[in-house]
Protein backbone atom coordinates (compact mmCIF):
# COMPACT_ATOMS: atom_id res chain seq x y z
CA MET A 1 103.57 -0.66 41.28
CA ALA A 2 104.74 2.34 43.30
CA LEU A 3 101.96 4.64 44.47
CA THR A 4 101.89 8.14 45.91
CA PHE A 5 100.27 8.67 49.30
CA LEU A 6 99.39 12.11 50.67
CA ALA A 7 98.51 12.42 54.36
CA PHE A 8 96.58 15.61 55.13
CA HIS A 9 96.77 16.61 58.79
CA ALA A 10 95.74 19.52 60.98
CA HIS A 11 98.90 20.16 63.03
CA PRO A 12 102.51 19.05 63.30
CA ASP A 13 102.54 15.81 65.38
CA ASP A 14 99.20 14.52 64.01
CA GLU A 15 101.08 12.82 61.19
CA ALA A 16 103.05 10.72 63.68
CA ILE A 17 100.29 10.05 66.21
CA LEU A 18 97.51 9.14 63.78
CA THR A 19 99.30 7.71 60.73
CA GLY A 20 102.99 7.36 61.58
CA GLY A 21 103.11 3.58 61.35
CA THR A 22 101.22 3.49 58.07
CA LEU A 23 103.42 6.17 56.52
CA ALA A 24 106.57 4.33 57.60
CA CYS A 25 105.17 1.08 56.23
CA VAL A 26 104.22 2.38 52.78
CA ALA A 27 107.47 4.36 52.51
CA ALA A 28 109.48 1.22 53.35
CA ALA A 29 107.53 -0.62 50.66
CA GLY A 30 108.82 1.85 48.07
CA HIS A 31 105.86 4.21 47.77
CA ARG A 32 106.18 8.00 47.70
CA VAL A 33 104.79 9.71 50.80
CA VAL A 34 103.81 13.38 51.09
CA VAL A 35 102.65 15.01 54.33
CA VAL A 36 100.60 18.21 54.27
CA THR A 37 99.66 20.08 57.44
CA ALA A 38 96.99 22.76 57.39
CA THR A 39 98.20 24.80 60.37
CA ASP A 40 101.41 25.92 62.04
CA GLY A 41 100.50 24.38 65.40
CA ALA A 42 101.35 27.64 67.17
CA LEU A 43 98.65 27.10 69.83
CA GLY A 44 99.95 23.67 70.79
CA LEU A 45 100.31 23.14 74.53
CA SER A 46 104.01 23.34 75.25
CA SER A 47 106.51 24.71 77.69
CA ARG A 48 107.04 28.47 77.85
CA ARG A 49 110.62 28.17 76.61
CA TYR A 50 109.39 26.84 73.26
CA ALA A 51 106.66 29.46 73.04
CA ALA A 52 109.22 32.18 73.67
CA ALA A 53 111.40 30.82 70.86
CA GLY A 54 108.53 31.08 68.36
CA LEU A 55 106.49 27.90 68.56
CA ALA A 56 105.43 27.80 64.91
CA GLY A 57 109.04 27.67 63.74
CA VAL A 58 109.96 25.09 66.35
CA ARG A 59 107.09 22.87 65.33
CA ALA A 60 107.91 23.19 61.63
CA ALA A 61 111.40 21.87 62.36
CA GLU A 62 109.95 19.06 64.48
CA LEU A 63 107.62 18.14 61.64
CA ARG A 64 110.52 17.86 59.20
CA GLU A 65 112.42 15.60 61.61
CA SER A 66 109.36 13.43 62.18
CA ALA A 67 108.88 13.14 58.42
CA ARG A 68 112.52 12.13 57.94
CA LEU A 69 112.17 9.36 60.52
CA LEU A 70 109.06 8.04 58.79
CA GLY A 71 110.58 8.09 55.30
CA VAL A 72 108.38 10.92 54.03
CA ALA A 73 109.60 12.38 50.74
CA ARG A 74 107.97 15.83 50.95
CA VAL A 75 106.43 18.05 53.61
CA VAL A 76 104.14 20.99 52.84
CA GLN A 77 102.55 23.40 55.31
CA LEU A 78 99.56 25.31 53.96
CA GLY A 79 100.28 28.18 56.35
CA TYR A 80 96.97 28.61 58.13
CA ALA A 81 97.03 29.60 61.78
CA ASP A 82 96.24 27.07 64.48
CA SER A 83 92.66 27.58 65.69
CA GLY A 84 93.10 26.10 69.16
CA LEU A 85 90.70 23.70 70.82
CA GLY A 86 88.14 26.37 71.66
CA PRO A 87 85.46 27.17 72.53
CA VAL A 88 86.81 30.75 72.36
CA LEU A 89 88.32 31.46 68.95
CA PHE A 90 91.35 33.72 68.94
CA ASP A 91 91.65 36.67 66.57
CA ASP A 92 93.56 35.99 63.37
CA PRO A 93 97.28 36.70 63.73
CA PRO A 94 98.84 39.26 61.36
CA GLY A 95 99.02 37.91 57.85
CA GLN A 96 97.28 34.63 58.66
CA VAL A 97 93.79 33.16 58.91
CA ARG A 98 92.74 30.67 61.56
CA PHE A 99 92.09 27.42 59.70
CA VAL A 100 88.50 27.15 60.92
CA ARG A 101 87.82 30.57 59.37
CA ALA A 102 89.44 29.68 56.05
CA SER A 103 87.31 29.28 52.95
CA VAL A 104 86.82 25.56 52.42
CA ASP A 105 86.80 26.06 48.66
CA GLU A 106 90.02 28.09 48.69
CA ALA A 107 91.85 25.65 50.97
CA ALA A 108 90.53 22.68 49.00
CA GLU A 109 91.79 24.13 45.73
CA ARG A 110 95.24 24.55 47.25
CA LEU A 111 95.23 20.95 48.44
CA ALA A 112 93.80 19.74 45.14
CA GLY A 113 96.70 21.46 43.38
CA LEU A 114 99.11 19.32 45.40
CA LEU A 115 97.06 16.19 44.73
CA ARG A 116 97.26 16.88 41.00
CA GLU A 117 100.94 17.89 41.08
CA GLU A 118 101.92 14.69 42.89
CA SER A 119 99.44 12.46 40.99
CA VAL A 120 98.30 11.18 44.36
CA ASP A 121 96.78 7.70 44.41
CA VAL A 122 95.71 7.62 48.08
CA LEU A 123 94.66 10.55 50.28
CA LEU A 124 94.64 10.04 54.04
CA THR A 125 92.34 12.49 55.79
CA TYR A 126 89.90 12.62 58.74
CA ASP A 127 86.31 11.55 59.34
CA ILE A 128 83.35 13.90 59.76
CA ASN A 129 84.22 14.46 63.45
CA GLY A 130 87.87 15.06 62.77
CA GLY A 131 88.37 12.10 65.06
CA TYR A 132 87.35 13.77 68.31
CA GLY A 133 85.82 17.12 67.42
CA HIS A 134 88.86 19.41 67.32
CA PRO A 135 87.76 22.29 65.05
CA ASP A 136 90.90 22.15 62.90
CA HIS A 137 90.48 18.40 62.46
CA VAL A 138 86.86 18.81 61.40
CA GLN A 139 88.00 21.42 58.87
CA VAL A 140 90.57 18.92 57.55
CA HIS A 141 87.69 16.55 56.80
CA ARG A 142 85.74 19.24 54.97
CA VAL A 143 88.71 20.47 52.95
CA GLY A 144 90.04 16.99 52.22
CA ALA A 145 86.70 15.74 50.91
CA VAL A 146 86.30 18.68 48.51
CA ALA A 147 89.94 18.52 47.38
CA ALA A 148 89.72 14.81 46.59
CA GLU A 149 86.66 15.44 44.45
CA LEU A 150 88.30 18.36 42.64
CA ALA A 151 91.44 16.35 41.91
CA GLN A 152 89.57 13.09 41.27
CA THR A 153 91.89 11.29 43.68
CA PRO A 154 91.33 7.55 43.21
CA ARG A 155 91.18 6.56 46.87
CA VAL A 156 90.38 8.42 50.10
CA LEU A 157 90.83 6.91 53.55
CA GLU A 158 89.62 8.54 56.75
CA VAL A 159 91.60 8.04 59.95
CA ALA A 160 89.48 6.19 62.48
CA VAL A 161 89.82 7.18 66.13
CA SER A 162 88.39 4.71 68.62
CA PRO A 163 85.03 5.82 70.06
CA ARG A 164 86.42 5.62 73.59
CA VAL A 165 89.36 7.90 72.79
CA ALA A 166 87.05 10.28 70.90
CA ARG A 167 84.72 10.58 73.90
CA VAL A 168 87.58 11.26 76.30
CA MET A 169 89.31 13.86 74.11
CA LYS A 170 86.37 15.73 72.61
CA PRO A 171 85.67 19.33 73.71
CA ARG A 172 82.77 19.60 76.15
CA ASP A 173 80.58 21.59 73.79
CA VAL A 174 80.99 19.20 70.84
CA SER A 175 78.59 16.44 69.84
CA LEU A 176 80.08 13.67 67.73
CA ALA A 177 78.27 12.40 64.65
CA PRO A 178 78.10 8.74 63.61
CA VAL A 179 81.13 7.78 61.51
CA ARG A 180 81.76 5.24 58.80
CA PRO A 181 82.80 1.74 59.91
CA VAL A 182 86.48 0.79 59.84
CA THR A 183 87.32 -1.08 56.65
CA VAL A 184 91.14 -1.08 56.64
CA VAL A 185 93.37 -2.06 59.56
CA VAL A 186 97.13 -1.67 59.18
CA ASP A 187 99.42 -3.73 61.41
CA VAL A 188 102.28 -1.31 62.05
CA ARG A 189 104.12 -3.23 64.78
CA GLU A 190 107.14 -3.74 62.53
CA HIS A 191 107.34 0.04 62.16
CA LEU A 192 106.51 0.92 65.75
CA ASP A 193 110.03 2.13 66.54
CA ALA A 194 109.84 4.65 63.67
CA LYS A 195 106.40 5.79 64.81
CA ILE A 196 107.50 6.29 68.40
CA ALA A 197 110.66 8.13 67.32
CA ALA A 198 108.56 10.39 65.09
CA MET A 199 106.14 11.12 67.92
CA ARG A 200 109.02 11.98 70.24
CA ALA A 201 110.58 14.21 67.56
CA HIS A 202 107.83 16.68 68.52
CA ARG A 203 109.80 17.65 71.61
CA SER A 204 107.87 20.84 72.28
CA GLN A 205 104.77 18.72 72.90
CA LEU A 206 106.32 16.30 75.38
CA THR A 207 106.04 18.40 78.53
CA ALA A 208 104.29 21.43 79.92
CA ASP A 209 106.80 24.01 81.17
CA GLY A 210 109.52 21.36 81.04
CA LEU A 211 108.11 19.58 84.09
CA VAL A 212 104.72 17.95 83.56
CA PRO A 213 104.71 15.06 81.06
CA ARG A 214 102.04 15.28 78.37
CA ASN A 215 100.23 12.51 76.50
CA ILE A 216 102.89 11.88 73.85
CA ASP A 217 105.60 11.51 76.46
CA VAL A 218 103.53 9.26 78.70
CA VAL A 219 102.26 7.00 75.92
CA THR A 220 105.61 6.52 74.22
CA ARG A 221 107.24 5.42 77.50
CA LEU A 222 104.80 2.55 78.10
CA PRO A 223 106.16 -1.02 78.18
CA ARG A 224 106.63 -2.57 74.74
CA VAL A 225 103.78 -5.04 75.12
CA VAL A 226 101.40 -2.18 75.97
CA LEU A 227 102.75 -0.03 73.14
CA GLU A 228 102.04 -2.78 70.65
CA ARG A 229 98.46 -3.08 71.89
CA THR A 230 97.80 0.66 71.87
CA LEU A 231 99.84 1.90 68.91
CA GLY A 232 100.44 -1.26 66.89
CA TRP A 233 97.46 -0.91 64.58
CA GLU A 234 96.13 2.07 62.63
CA ARG A 235 92.57 2.05 61.37
CA PHE A 236 90.85 3.75 58.45
CA ALA A 237 87.42 3.99 56.88
CA ASP A 238 87.16 3.89 53.10
CA PRO A 239 84.02 5.80 52.02
CA SER A 240 83.71 3.39 49.09
CA GLY A 241 83.59 0.47 51.51
CA SER A 242 86.76 -1.06 50.10
CA SER A 243 88.93 -3.17 52.40
CA GLU A 244 91.89 -3.31 50.02
CA PRO A 245 95.00 -3.35 52.24
CA LEU A 246 97.36 -0.40 52.36
CA CYS A 247 100.59 -2.06 53.30
CA PRO A 248 101.91 -5.64 53.25
């Protein structure tokens, strides 16, 4: 039976980095896949030439290309402004609200509307730490949890970031809470090429000022055997404790 999956992410590129293999896998299996991003990613670290061109628009186009490569059927951006990694929170830009300042109830109702409209069977969202403490990612967890309850979405899965990665990437002023144990592991090695291509579709995030390689660029150029070890599995926690597999 074909299902509908909705992956709720904070910024363009998160869909590829955190769930790209899983999305490609379920799409290839004939399921409908929807990607929703909360923010425009306008505070992403990129080269000045992309910033000058209007980074939000650039990243929206990159998101659409990434989605195409993964087999995603629909992309929705909720339109909140990127909050940045902090600790200083920028003022709201004209006509927008930083996602961390958004009303959880209002944002959740918007997401719940999409969950109902698409009759979503599985919602992919983040854990209580948002993986590694990024404020927009933590807000994704809050909003996703409320939206799933409002829409009575049958299954919710929280992306699991390894504790080591979380410790390395977390902001200095953030303390991470205990998270649920991993219950679902997806072997995405057969879809690794699609995941890597989707990650690299976010070209504005590959280098700083066109010279210094950033994490996405460095990671996706690793030898194949290393790529399979580092990116070949995606892990999730099911709050219900279920270990029902996501993808054959």
